[in-house]
N, C-alpha and C. Protein backbone atom coordinates (compact mmCIF):
# COMPACT_ATOMS: atom_id res chain seq x y z
N MET A 1 108.03 26.03 5.51
CA MET A 1 106.71 25.93 6.09
C MET A 1 106.70 26.66 7.42
N SER A 2 105.49 26.98 7.84
CA SER A 2 105.38 27.74 9.08
C SER A 2 105.62 26.85 10.30
N GLU A 3 105.94 27.50 11.38
CA GLU A 3 106.18 26.77 12.63
C GLU A 3 104.90 26.10 13.11
N ASN A 4 103.75 26.74 12.87
CA ASN A 4 102.47 26.15 13.29
C ASN A 4 102.21 24.82 12.59
N TYR A 5 102.57 24.73 11.32
CA TYR A 5 102.36 23.49 10.58
C TYR A 5 103.16 22.35 11.22
N HIS A 6 104.41 22.61 11.56
CA HIS A 6 105.25 21.58 12.16
C HIS A 6 104.70 21.18 13.54
N GLU A 7 104.20 22.14 14.28
CA GLU A 7 103.59 21.84 15.59
C GLU A 7 102.35 20.98 15.40
N TYR A 8 101.54 21.28 14.40
CA TYR A 8 100.34 20.50 14.11
C TYR A 8 100.70 19.05 13.76
N VAL A 9 101.69 18.86 12.93
CA VAL A 9 102.12 17.52 12.53
C VAL A 9 102.60 16.75 13.75
N ARG A 10 103.35 17.39 14.61
CA ARG A 10 103.86 16.73 15.81
C ARG A 10 102.72 16.32 16.74
N ARG A 11 101.77 17.22 16.95
CA ARG A 11 100.65 16.91 17.84
C ARG A 11 99.75 15.82 17.27
N MET A 12 99.53 15.83 15.99
CA MET A 12 98.69 14.79 15.38
C MET A 12 99.37 13.42 15.50
N ALA A 13 100.68 13.37 15.41
CA ALA A 13 101.40 12.11 15.60
C ALA A 13 101.21 11.61 17.03
N GLN A 14 101.22 12.50 17.99
CA GLN A 14 101.01 12.12 19.38
C GLN A 14 99.58 11.59 19.58
N VAL A 15 98.62 12.24 18.96
CA VAL A 15 97.22 11.80 19.08
C VAL A 15 97.06 10.41 18.48
N ARG A 16 97.65 10.19 17.30
CA ARG A 16 97.56 8.87 16.66
C ARG A 16 98.19 7.79 17.53
N ALA A 17 99.35 8.08 18.10
CA ALA A 17 100.03 7.11 18.95
C ALA A 17 99.19 6.79 20.18
N GLY A 18 98.54 7.78 20.73
CA GLY A 18 97.67 7.56 21.88
C GLY A 18 96.47 6.69 21.54
N ARG A 19 95.90 6.90 20.39
CA ARG A 19 94.75 6.09 19.96
C ARG A 19 95.15 4.65 19.76
N GLU A 20 96.30 4.42 19.13
CA GLU A 20 96.74 3.06 18.85
C GLU A 20 97.08 2.31 20.14
N GLY A 21 97.55 3.02 21.14
CA GLY A 21 97.91 2.39 22.40
C GLY A 21 96.72 2.10 23.29
N ASN A 22 95.56 2.69 23.01
CA ASN A 22 94.40 2.56 23.88
C ASN A 22 93.22 2.00 23.09
N ARG A 23 93.33 0.72 22.71
CA ARG A 23 92.27 0.12 21.89
C ARG A 23 91.84 -1.23 22.45
N PRO A 24 91.34 -1.27 23.69
CA PRO A 24 90.96 -2.55 24.26
C PRO A 24 89.81 -3.21 23.50
N LEU A 25 88.88 -2.42 22.98
CA LEU A 25 87.75 -3.01 22.26
C LEU A 25 88.20 -3.66 20.97
N HIS A 26 89.19 -3.09 20.32
CA HIS A 26 89.71 -3.69 19.09
C HIS A 26 90.29 -5.06 19.38
N ARG A 27 91.07 -5.15 20.45
CA ARG A 27 91.66 -6.43 20.84
C ARG A 27 90.58 -7.46 21.16
N GLN A 28 89.54 -7.04 21.87
CA GLN A 28 88.45 -7.95 22.21
C GLN A 28 87.72 -8.42 20.96
N LEU A 29 87.53 -7.53 20.01
CA LEU A 29 86.88 -7.92 18.76
C LEU A 29 87.70 -8.95 18.01
N VAL A 30 89.00 -8.75 17.94
CA VAL A 30 89.87 -9.71 17.26
C VAL A 30 89.80 -11.07 17.95
N GLU A 31 89.84 -11.09 19.28
CA GLU A 31 89.75 -12.35 20.01
C GLU A 31 88.41 -13.03 19.76
N LEU A 32 87.34 -12.28 19.73
CA LEU A 32 86.01 -12.84 19.48
C LEU A 32 85.93 -13.44 18.08
N LEU A 33 86.44 -12.73 17.09
CA LEU A 33 86.40 -13.24 15.73
C LEU A 33 87.27 -14.49 15.58
N GLN A 34 88.39 -14.54 16.27
CA GLN A 34 89.22 -15.74 16.23
C GLN A 34 88.48 -16.93 16.84
N PHE A 35 87.76 -16.70 17.92
CA PHE A 35 86.97 -17.75 18.55
C PHE A 35 85.88 -18.25 17.60
N VAL A 36 85.21 -17.33 16.92
CA VAL A 36 84.17 -17.71 15.96
C VAL A 36 84.77 -18.56 14.84
N LEU A 37 85.93 -18.17 14.35
CA LEU A 37 86.59 -18.96 13.30
C LEU A 37 86.92 -20.37 13.79
N GLU A 38 87.38 -20.49 15.03
CA GLU A 38 87.69 -21.80 15.58
C GLU A 38 86.42 -22.65 15.71
N CYS A 39 85.34 -22.04 16.13
CA CYS A 39 84.07 -22.77 16.25
C CYS A 39 83.58 -23.23 14.88
N GLU A 40 83.65 -22.36 13.90
CA GLU A 40 83.24 -22.73 12.54
C GLU A 40 84.10 -23.87 12.00
N ALA A 41 85.40 -23.82 12.26
CA ALA A 41 86.29 -24.86 11.79
C ALA A 41 85.95 -26.19 12.46
N ALA A 42 85.65 -26.17 13.74
CA ALA A 42 85.30 -27.40 14.46
C ALA A 42 83.96 -27.93 13.95
N TRP A 43 83.05 -27.05 13.64
CA TRP A 43 81.74 -27.47 13.17
C TRP A 43 81.82 -28.10 11.77
N LEU A 44 82.75 -27.62 10.94
CA LEU A 44 82.88 -28.14 9.59
C LEU A 44 83.60 -29.48 9.54
N ASP A 45 84.37 -29.80 10.57
CA ASP A 45 85.12 -31.08 10.57
C ASP A 45 84.22 -32.26 10.77
């Protein structure tokens, strides 16, 4: 394969790693959904 292809693969891996490391909204959404589940569970008891 060409050298450009290998460079592309390497750079895309870096981009993916950066996206995964910078996801504060995702974490907040998970926390919010967990809170909703706890409220629903308390309401059903």
